[in-house]
Amino acid sequence: MTKTYTIGQVAKNLGIPSSTLRYYDKLNLFPKLQKSGSGIRYFTSEDVDTIRVIECLKKPIYQ
């Protein structure tokens, strides 16, 4: 069974707001994201890696 993480766990681990993760989900950036019947999102390690890539791409090249 694949380990899953809640939106709060992912947000805390990566240091980004949970609202950002909900926004990414709204953009359908996680096509395989699992949700419970009540709408709770469960992120896999693959989803977390995707978030890390997105956050990296958002950083400016020159500072």
C-alpha atoms as a PDB file:
ATOM      1  CA  MET A   1       0.000   0.000   0.000  1.00  0.00           C
ATOM      2  CA  THR A   2       1.307   3.448  -0.921  1.00  0.00           C
ATOM      3  CA  LYS A   3       1.954   5.922   1.882  1.00  0.00           C
ATOM      4  CA  THR A   4      -0.297   8.970   1.648  1.00  0.00           C
ATOM      5  CA  TYR A   5      -0.194  12.381   3.277  1.00  0.00           C
ATOM      6  CA  THR A   6      -2.909  14.875   4.127  1.00  0.00           C
ATOM      7  CA  ILE A   7      -2.863  18.419   2.809  1.00  0.00           C
ATOM      8  CA  GLY A   8      -1.773  19.669   6.244  1.00  0.00           C
ATOM      9  CA  GLN A   9       1.163  17.283   6.387  1.00  0.00           C
ATOM     10  CA  VAL A  10       2.338  18.236   2.906  1.00  0.00           C
ATOM     11  CA  ALA A  11       1.931  21.963   3.565  1.00  0.00           C
ATOM     12  CA  LYS A  12       3.900  21.755   6.815  1.00  0.00           C
ATOM     13  CA  ASN A  13       6.622  19.552   5.311  1.00  0.00           C
ATOM     14  CA  LEU A  14       7.163  21.808   2.284  1.00  0.00           C
ATOM     15  CA  GLY A  15       6.539  25.117   4.049  1.00  0.00           C
ATOM     16  CA  ILE A  16       3.784  26.286   1.707  1.00  0.00           C
ATOM     17  CA  PRO A  17       0.173  27.213   2.486  1.00  0.00           C
ATOM     18  CA  SER A  18      -2.494  24.565   2.124  1.00  0.00           C
ATOM     19  CA  SER A  19      -4.447  27.078   0.041  1.00  0.00           C
ATOM     20  CA  THR A  20      -1.666  26.863  -2.555  1.00  0.00           C
ATOM     21  CA  LEU A  21      -2.053  23.093  -2.685  1.00  0.00           C
ATOM     22  CA  ARG A  22      -5.815  23.445  -3.109  1.00  0.00           C
ATOM     23  CA  TYR A  23      -5.170  25.927  -5.941  1.00  0.00           C
ATOM     24  CA  TYR A  24      -2.798  23.481  -7.662  1.00  0.00           C
ATOM     25  CA  ASP A  25      -5.461  20.792  -7.321  1.00  0.00           C
ATOM     26  CA  LYS A  26      -8.049  23.142  -8.820  1.00  0.00           C
ATOM     27  CA  LEU A  27      -5.706  23.570 -11.822  1.00  0.00           C
ATOM     28  CA  ASN A  28      -5.715  19.754 -12.087  1.00  0.00           C
ATOM     29  CA  LEU A  29      -1.946  19.456 -11.640  1.00  0.00           C
ATOM     30  CA  PHE A  30      -2.452  16.161  -9.780  1.00  0.00           C
ATOM     31  CA  PRO A  31      -4.540  13.998 -12.120  1.00  0.00           C
ATOM     32  CA  LYS A  32      -4.212  10.919  -9.891  1.00  0.00           C
ATOM     33  CA  LEU A  33      -4.920  12.694  -6.586  1.00  0.00           C
ATOM     34  CA  GLN A  34      -7.084  10.571  -4.328  1.00  0.00           C
ATOM     35  CA  LYS A  35      -9.960  12.106  -2.388  1.00  0.00           C
ATOM     36  CA  SER A  36     -12.122  10.609   0.290  1.00  0.00           C
ATOM     37  CA  GLY A  37     -15.888  10.677   0.073  1.00  0.00           C
ATOM     38  CA  SER A  38     -15.896  13.876   2.120  1.00  0.00           C
ATOM     39  CA  GLY A  39     -13.294  15.538  -0.155  1.00  0.00           C
ATOM     40  CA  ILE A  40     -10.148  15.055   1.932  1.00  0.00           C
ATOM     41  CA  ARG A  41      -7.129  15.033  -0.375  1.00  0.00           C
ATOM     42  CA  TYR A  42      -4.499  12.316  -0.020  1.00  0.00           C
ATOM     43  CA  PHE A  43      -1.125  13.054  -1.612  1.00  0.00           C
ATOM     44  CA  THR A  44       1.368  10.347  -2.580  1.00  0.00           C
ATOM     45  CA  SER A  45       5.141  10.737  -2.657  1.00  0.00           C
ATOM     46  CA  GLU A  46       4.827  11.251  -6.411  1.00  0.00           C
ATOM     47  CA  ASP A  47       2.429  14.158  -5.812  1.00  0.00           C
ATOM     48  CA  VAL A  48       4.851  15.675  -3.299  1.00  0.00           C
ATOM     49  CA  ASP A  49       7.676  15.406  -5.844  1.00  0.00           C
ATOM     50  CA  THR A  50       5.464  17.196  -8.378  1.00  0.00           C
ATOM     51  CA  ILE A  51       4.878  20.004  -5.884  1.00  0.00           C
ATOM     52  CA  ARG A  52       8.619  20.310  -5.287  1.00  0.00           C
ATOM     53  CA  VAL A  53       9.217  20.688  -9.021  1.00  0.00           C
ATOM     54  CA  ILE A  54       6.479  23.326  -9.311  1.00  0.00           C
ATOM     55  CA  GLU A  55       7.918  25.297  -6.402  1.00  0.00           C
ATOM     56  CA  CYS A  56      11.412  25.069  -7.909  1.00  0.00           C
ATOM     57  CA  LEU A  57      10.178  26.336 -11.265  1.00  0.00           C
ATOM     58  CA  LYS A  58       8.550  29.330  -9.576  1.00  0.00           C
ATOM     59  CA  LYS A  59      11.872  30.589  -8.216  1.00  0.00           C
ATOM     60  CA  PRO A  60      13.545  33.378 -10.171  1.00  0.00           C
ATOM     61  CA  ILE A  61      16.695  32.484 -12.081  1.00  0.00           C
ATOM     62  CA  TYR A  62      18.525  35.670 -11.105  1.00  0.00           C
ATOM     63  CA  GLN A  63      18.352  37.113  -7.635  1.00  0.00           C
END
